[in-house]
Each structure stands twice: as C-alpha cells, then as structure tokens.
N, C-alpha and C. Protein backbone atom coordinates (compact mmCIF):
# COMPACT_ATOMS: atom_id res chain seq x y z
N GLN A 1 66.05 101.97 103.19
CA GLN A 1 65.54 103.29 103.56
C GLN A 1 65.84 104.29 102.44
N VAL A 2 64.78 104.93 101.97
CA VAL A 2 64.94 105.88 100.88
C VAL A 2 65.36 107.24 101.44
N GLN A 3 66.35 107.81 100.81
CA GLN A 3 66.77 109.17 101.19
C GLN A 3 66.99 110.00 99.94
N LEU A 4 66.45 111.20 99.97
CA LEU A 4 66.72 112.21 98.95
C LEU A 4 67.31 113.41 99.69
N VAL A 5 68.53 113.76 99.34
CA VAL A 5 69.22 114.82 100.06
C VAL A 5 69.55 115.95 99.10
N GLU A 6 68.90 117.09 99.32
CA GLU A 6 69.12 118.26 98.48
C GLU A 6 70.30 119.08 99.01
N SER A 7 70.94 119.78 98.10
CA SER A 7 72.00 120.70 98.47
C SER A 7 72.09 121.78 97.40
N GLY A 8 72.80 122.86 97.73
CA GLY A 8 73.03 123.91 96.75
C GLY A 8 72.19 125.15 96.92
N GLY A 9 71.26 125.12 97.86
CA GLY A 9 70.47 126.32 98.10
C GLY A 9 71.29 127.40 98.79
N GLY A 10 70.67 128.56 98.92
CA GLY A 10 71.36 129.66 99.58
C GLY A 10 70.79 131.00 99.18
N LEU A 11 71.57 132.02 99.46
CA LEU A 11 71.18 133.40 99.16
C LEU A 11 71.81 133.83 97.84
N VAL A 12 71.00 134.40 96.97
CA VAL A 12 71.49 134.84 95.67
C VAL A 12 70.80 136.15 95.32
N GLN A 13 71.48 136.99 94.60
CA GLN A 13 70.90 138.26 94.17
C GLN A 13 69.98 138.04 92.98
N PRO A 14 69.03 138.91 92.79
CA PRO A 14 68.19 138.82 91.58
C PRO A 14 69.06 138.82 90.33
N GLY A 15 68.69 137.96 89.41
CA GLY A 15 69.49 137.80 88.20
C GLY A 15 70.61 136.80 88.33
N GLY A 16 70.84 136.31 89.53
CA GLY A 16 71.92 135.36 89.76
C GLY A 16 71.53 133.93 89.47
N SER A 17 72.47 133.03 89.73
CA SER A 17 72.27 131.61 89.42
C SER A 17 72.60 130.74 90.62
N LEU A 18 71.93 129.62 90.66
CA LEU A 18 72.23 128.57 91.63
C LEU A 18 72.05 127.22 90.95
N ARG A 19 72.78 126.24 91.46
CA ARG A 19 72.60 124.88 90.98
C ARG A 19 72.26 123.99 92.17
N LEU A 20 71.08 123.43 92.13
CA LEU A 20 70.65 122.51 93.18
C LEU A 20 70.99 121.08 92.78
N SER A 21 71.33 120.29 93.78
CA SER A 21 71.59 118.86 93.57
C SER A 21 70.72 118.06 94.52
N CYS A 22 70.36 116.87 94.09
CA CYS A 22 69.60 115.94 94.94
C CYS A 22 70.20 114.56 94.75
N ALA A 23 70.78 114.06 95.81
CA ALA A 23 71.39 112.72 95.79
C ALA A 23 70.41 111.72 96.39
N ALA A 24 70.14 110.67 95.64
CA ALA A 24 69.17 109.66 96.07
C ALA A 24 69.87 108.37 96.50
N SER A 25 69.29 107.73 97.48
CA SER A 25 69.75 106.41 97.90
C SER A 25 68.56 105.59 98.34
N GLY A 26 68.71 104.28 98.27
CA GLY A 26 67.62 103.41 98.70
C GLY A 26 66.58 103.12 97.64
N ILE A 27 66.75 103.66 96.45
CA ILE A 27 65.85 103.38 95.33
C ILE A 27 66.67 103.05 94.09
N MET A 28 66.02 102.39 93.12
CA MET A 28 66.66 102.18 91.83
C MET A 28 66.46 103.45 91.03
N PHE A 29 67.38 104.37 91.21
CA PHE A 29 67.25 105.74 90.76
C PHE A 29 66.86 105.83 89.29
N SER A 30 67.47 105.01 88.46
CA SER A 30 67.33 105.18 87.01
C SER A 30 65.91 104.94 86.52
N ILE A 31 65.07 104.26 87.28
CA ILE A 31 63.72 103.96 86.81
C ILE A 31 62.67 104.93 87.36
N TYR A 32 63.12 105.90 88.13
CA TYR A 32 62.22 106.90 88.69
C TYR A 32 62.24 108.18 87.88
N ALA A 33 61.08 108.78 87.73
CA ALA A 33 61.02 110.17 87.30
C ALA A 33 61.44 111.03 88.48
N MET A 34 62.27 112.02 88.21
CA MET A 34 62.76 112.90 89.27
C MET A 34 62.27 114.32 89.01
N GLY A 35 61.90 114.98 90.08
CA GLY A 35 61.37 116.32 89.92
C GLY A 35 61.84 117.28 90.99
N TRP A 36 61.69 118.54 90.66
CA TRP A 36 61.93 119.62 91.62
C TRP A 36 60.62 120.40 91.79
N TYR A 37 60.25 120.60 93.03
CA TYR A 37 59.09 121.40 93.38
C TYR A 37 59.57 122.53 94.28
N ARG A 38 58.72 123.54 94.41
CA ARG A 38 59.05 124.61 95.35
C ARG A 38 57.80 125.06 96.07
N GLN A 39 58.02 125.58 97.26
CA GLN A 39 56.91 126.10 98.05
C GLN A 39 57.34 127.40 98.71
N ALA A 40 56.67 128.46 98.32
CA ALA A 40 56.92 129.77 98.90
C ALA A 40 56.01 129.94 100.11
N PRO A 41 56.37 130.83 101.03
CA PRO A 41 55.53 131.05 102.21
C PRO A 41 54.10 131.41 101.83
N GLY A 42 53.15 130.70 102.41
CA GLY A 42 51.76 131.00 102.17
C GLY A 42 51.22 130.49 100.84
N LYS A 43 52.03 129.76 100.12
CA LYS A 43 51.59 129.26 98.81
C LYS A 43 51.67 127.74 98.78
N GLU A 44 50.99 127.17 97.79
CA GLU A 44 51.03 125.72 97.63
C GLU A 44 52.33 125.29 96.95
N ARG A 45 52.67 124.04 97.18
CA ARG A 45 53.84 123.49 96.51
C ARG A 45 53.53 123.36 95.01
N GLU A 46 54.50 123.73 94.17
CA GLU A 46 54.30 123.69 92.74
C GLU A 46 55.46 122.99 92.06
N LEU A 47 55.12 122.35 90.95
CA LEU A 47 56.15 121.69 90.15
C LEU A 47 56.98 122.73 89.41
N VAL A 48 58.29 122.57 89.50
CA VAL A 48 59.21 123.43 88.77
C VAL A 48 59.69 122.73 87.50
N ALA A 49 60.16 121.49 87.68
CA ALA A 49 60.69 120.75 86.54
C ALA A 49 60.72 119.27 86.89
N GLN A 50 60.58 118.45 85.85
CA GLN A 50 60.63 117.01 86.04
C GLN A 50 61.37 116.39 84.89
N ILE A 51 62.06 115.29 85.18
CA ILE A 51 62.76 114.55 84.14
C ILE A 51 62.41 113.07 84.31
N THR A 52 61.97 112.45 83.22
CA THR A 52 61.57 111.06 83.29
C THR A 52 62.78 110.13 83.32
N SER A 53 62.52 108.87 83.51
CA SER A 53 63.61 107.89 83.50
C SER A 53 64.28 107.84 82.13
N GLY A 54 63.53 108.19 81.10
CA GLY A 54 64.09 108.20 79.76
C GLY A 54 64.75 109.51 79.36
N GLY A 55 64.69 110.50 80.26
CA GLY A 55 65.36 111.76 79.99
C GLY A 55 64.48 112.86 79.43
N THR A 56 63.20 112.60 79.27
CA THR A 56 62.29 113.64 78.80
C THR A 56 62.02 114.63 79.92
N THR A 57 62.07 115.91 79.58
CA THR A 57 61.89 116.93 80.60
C THR A 57 60.56 117.66 80.45
N ASN A 58 60.06 118.11 81.58
CA ASN A 58 58.86 118.93 81.63
C ASN A 58 59.19 120.12 82.52
N ILE A 59 59.15 121.31 81.94
CA ILE A 59 59.56 122.51 82.66
C ILE A 59 58.35 123.43 82.80
N ALA A 60 58.15 123.95 83.99
CA ALA A 60 57.05 124.89 84.21
C ALA A 60 57.23 126.11 83.33
N ASP A 61 56.13 126.63 82.82
CA ASP A 61 56.19 127.79 81.93
C ASP A 61 56.89 128.98 82.58
N SER A 62 56.70 129.13 83.88
CA SER A 62 57.24 130.30 84.58
C SER A 62 58.78 130.30 84.62
N VAL A 63 59.38 129.15 84.42
CA VAL A 63 60.85 129.07 84.49
C VAL A 63 61.48 128.61 83.19
N LYS A 64 60.66 128.37 82.20
CA LYS A 64 61.17 127.87 80.92
C LYS A 64 62.16 128.87 80.32
N GLY A 65 63.28 128.34 79.85
CA GLY A 65 64.31 129.20 79.29
C GLY A 65 65.32 129.69 80.31
N ARG A 66 65.00 129.51 81.60
CA ARG A 66 65.92 129.95 82.66
C ARG A 66 66.41 128.78 83.51
N PHE A 67 65.56 127.79 83.70
CA PHE A 67 65.91 126.64 84.54
C PHE A 67 66.10 125.41 83.66
N THR A 68 67.04 124.57 84.06
CA THR A 68 67.30 123.32 83.36
C THR A 68 67.40 122.19 84.37
N ILE A 69 66.74 121.08 84.07
CA ILE A 69 66.84 119.90 84.91
C ILE A 69 67.64 118.84 84.17
N SER A 70 68.47 118.14 84.91
CA SER A 70 69.26 117.06 84.33
C SER A 70 69.47 115.98 85.37
N ARG A 71 69.89 114.82 84.92
CA ARG A 71 70.15 113.72 85.85
C ARG A 71 71.40 112.98 85.45
N ASP A 72 72.06 112.41 86.46
CA ASP A 72 73.22 111.57 86.25
C ASP A 72 72.93 110.24 86.94
N ASN A 73 72.52 109.27 86.17
CA ASN A 73 72.14 107.99 86.76
C ASN A 73 73.32 107.27 87.41
N ALA A 74 74.51 107.52 86.92
CA ALA A 74 75.69 106.88 87.51
C ALA A 74 75.94 107.40 88.92
N LYS A 75 75.50 108.62 89.18
CA LYS A 75 75.70 109.24 90.50
C LYS A 75 74.42 109.29 91.32
N ASN A 76 73.33 108.74 90.77
CA ASN A 76 72.03 108.79 91.47
C ASN A 76 71.67 110.22 91.89
N THR A 77 71.89 111.15 90.99
CA THR A 77 71.72 112.56 91.33
C THR A 77 70.95 113.28 90.23
N VAL A 78 70.08 114.17 90.67
CA VAL A 78 69.36 115.06 89.76
C VAL A 78 69.73 116.49 90.10
N TYR A 79 69.79 117.32 89.07
CA TYR A 79 70.24 118.70 89.22
C TYR A 79 69.16 119.66 88.72
N LEU A 80 69.20 120.85 89.28
CA LEU A 80 68.37 121.93 88.78
C LEU A 80 69.26 123.17 88.65
N GLN A 81 69.54 123.54 87.43
CA GLN A 81 70.30 124.76 87.17
C GLN A 81 69.31 125.91 87.04
N MET A 82 69.48 126.91 87.88
CA MET A 82 68.56 128.04 87.91
C MET A 82 69.32 129.31 87.57
N ASN A 83 68.91 129.95 86.50
CA ASN A 83 69.53 131.19 86.06
C ASN A 83 68.51 132.32 86.10
N SER A 84 69.02 133.54 86.12
CA SER A 84 68.16 134.73 86.10
C SER A 84 67.07 134.66 87.17
N LEU A 85 67.47 134.35 88.36
CA LEU A 85 66.51 134.17 89.45
C LEU A 85 65.82 135.49 89.81
N LYS A 86 64.56 135.35 90.22
CA LYS A 86 63.73 136.50 90.55
C LYS A 86 63.38 136.49 92.04
N PHE A 87 63.05 137.69 92.54
CA PHE A 87 62.66 137.81 93.95
C PHE A 87 61.59 136.78 94.32
N GLU A 88 60.60 136.67 93.45
CA GLU A 88 59.43 135.84 93.77
C GLU A 88 59.73 134.34 93.73
N GLU A 89 60.96 133.99 93.39
CA GLU A 89 61.31 132.57 93.37
C GLU A 89 61.96 132.13 94.68
N THR A 90 61.94 133.00 95.64
CA THR A 90 62.33 132.62 96.99
C THR A 90 61.36 131.56 97.50
N ALA A 91 61.92 130.42 97.90
CA ALA A 91 61.07 129.30 98.32
C ALA A 91 61.95 128.19 98.86
N VAL A 92 61.30 127.21 99.44
CA VAL A 92 61.98 125.95 99.74
C VAL A 92 61.81 125.05 98.53
N TYR A 93 62.91 124.53 98.03
CA TYR A 93 62.90 123.67 96.86
C TYR A 93 63.07 122.22 97.31
N TYR A 94 62.15 121.40 96.81
CA TYR A 94 62.11 119.98 97.22
C TYR A 94 62.40 119.07 96.03
N CYS A 95 63.11 118.03 96.30
CA CYS A 95 63.37 116.98 95.33
C CYS A 95 62.33 115.89 95.49
N ASN A 96 61.90 115.33 94.37
CA ASN A 96 60.88 114.28 94.38
C ASN A 96 61.28 113.13 93.48
N ALA A 97 61.03 111.92 93.95
CA ALA A 97 61.20 110.72 93.13
C ALA A 97 59.82 110.10 92.96
N HIS A 98 59.45 109.81 91.71
CA HIS A 98 58.08 109.40 91.40
C HIS A 98 58.08 108.22 90.44
N ARG A 99 57.20 107.25 90.77
CA ARG A 99 57.09 106.11 89.89
C ARG A 99 55.68 105.53 90.02
N VAL A 100 55.11 105.14 88.90
CA VAL A 100 53.81 104.47 88.88
C VAL A 100 53.97 103.12 88.21
N VAL A 101 53.63 102.08 88.93
CA VAL A 101 53.72 100.73 88.37
C VAL A 101 52.43 99.99 88.70
N ALA A 102 51.78 99.50 87.66
CA ALA A 102 50.52 98.75 87.83
C ALA A 102 49.53 99.52 88.68
N GLY A 103 49.45 100.80 88.44
CA GLY A 103 48.49 101.64 89.15
C GLY A 103 48.91 102.05 90.55
N LEU A 104 50.05 101.58 91.01
CA LEU A 104 50.53 101.94 92.34
C LEU A 104 51.57 103.04 92.23
N THR A 105 51.38 104.09 93.01
CA THR A 105 52.28 105.25 92.94
C THR A 105 53.25 105.23 94.12
N SER A 106 54.51 105.48 93.78
CA SER A 106 55.53 105.66 94.81
C SER A 106 56.05 107.09 94.69
N ASP A 107 56.02 107.81 95.79
CA ASP A 107 56.53 109.18 95.83
C ASP A 107 57.42 109.32 97.06
N TYR A 108 58.61 109.85 96.82
CA TYR A 108 59.54 110.14 97.90
C TYR A 108 59.97 111.60 97.80
N TRP A 109 60.21 112.20 98.97
CA TRP A 109 60.55 113.63 99.04
C TRP A 109 61.80 113.84 99.86
N GLY A 110 62.55 114.84 99.45
CA GLY A 110 63.66 115.30 100.26
C GLY A 110 63.17 116.26 101.32
N GLN A 111 64.10 116.72 102.13
CA GLN A 111 63.74 117.61 103.24
C GLN A 111 63.65 119.06 102.80
N GLY A 112 64.12 119.35 101.60
CA GLY A 112 64.04 120.70 101.07
C GLY A 112 65.30 121.50 101.31
N THR A 113 65.53 122.44 100.41
CA THR A 113 66.65 123.37 100.54
C THR A 113 66.14 124.78 100.27
N GLN A 114 66.52 125.71 101.11
CA GLN A 114 66.02 127.08 101.01
C GLN A 114 66.78 127.85 99.92
N VAL A 115 66.02 128.49 99.07
CA VAL A 115 66.58 129.42 98.09
C VAL A 115 66.00 130.79 98.38
N THR A 116 66.86 131.74 98.63
CA THR A 116 66.43 133.10 98.92
C THR A 116 67.02 134.03 97.88
N VAL A 117 66.14 134.74 97.17
CA VAL A 117 66.57 135.70 96.16
C VAL A 117 66.35 137.09 96.73
N SER A 118 67.44 137.76 96.99
CA SER A 118 67.35 139.05 97.65
C SER A 118 68.58 139.88 97.34
N SER A 119 68.37 141.19 97.30
CA SER A 119 69.51 142.08 97.10
C SER A 119 70.01 142.62 98.44
C-alpha cells in the first residue's frame, strides 16, 4: 500500500518560512520523481516544484529563488523549503510521486497539508 504523508504546514505570516516534508512508503522511493503541487480555493492544482530520481529540479517561475525542493532517499522523504511566503500562496500543498515506465504512468498523491499565509 502506497502512502505519502505530508507534514509541516500551518499558519505563517507574510515573508515567513515553512518547511514541508513528505514521507513515502510502499514504493521504491529512489526511482520516482517527487513533486509538490498546491491548490488554492477556486483554483486548479498547480505544480510548485519537482525533483527527479537523479536530483534534477524543476521550480515554478512564481516561486523560483524562494522555494527549494530536496530529497533524502535514505529517509524516503522529499522536502519543500518555502521562504518569503506571500498571501496568495495560501493553499493546500500536495506531495506527488511520479514515474513513467514503458509508457505506463504511476502517480500517487498525499492527502495534502494546509499552508495559510496571513498576518
């Protein structure tokens, strides 16, 4: 059974920082690309950052320079360090595990963690 469990969300003031964690189980973590997505009320889910199995990162332009994604394969965990948070980044943040093999896609999602940016 695959499980992705996010943690680290909460209430933060504008300009503040949070570090999200996602612990994976039930998959061979090291061979999956791992990503963070977010969904604000009334908006579509969007990619925030992704890190491949080889460690290459893809960061959304809107958060580039402020957010960092990293992974620890020994701990089966992916992190999202978020700095200089803005009001509009209030959303539910979801962890994703993604793999494509021979044209077949595997996608797993966590339950999400709420991030609220408010003064």
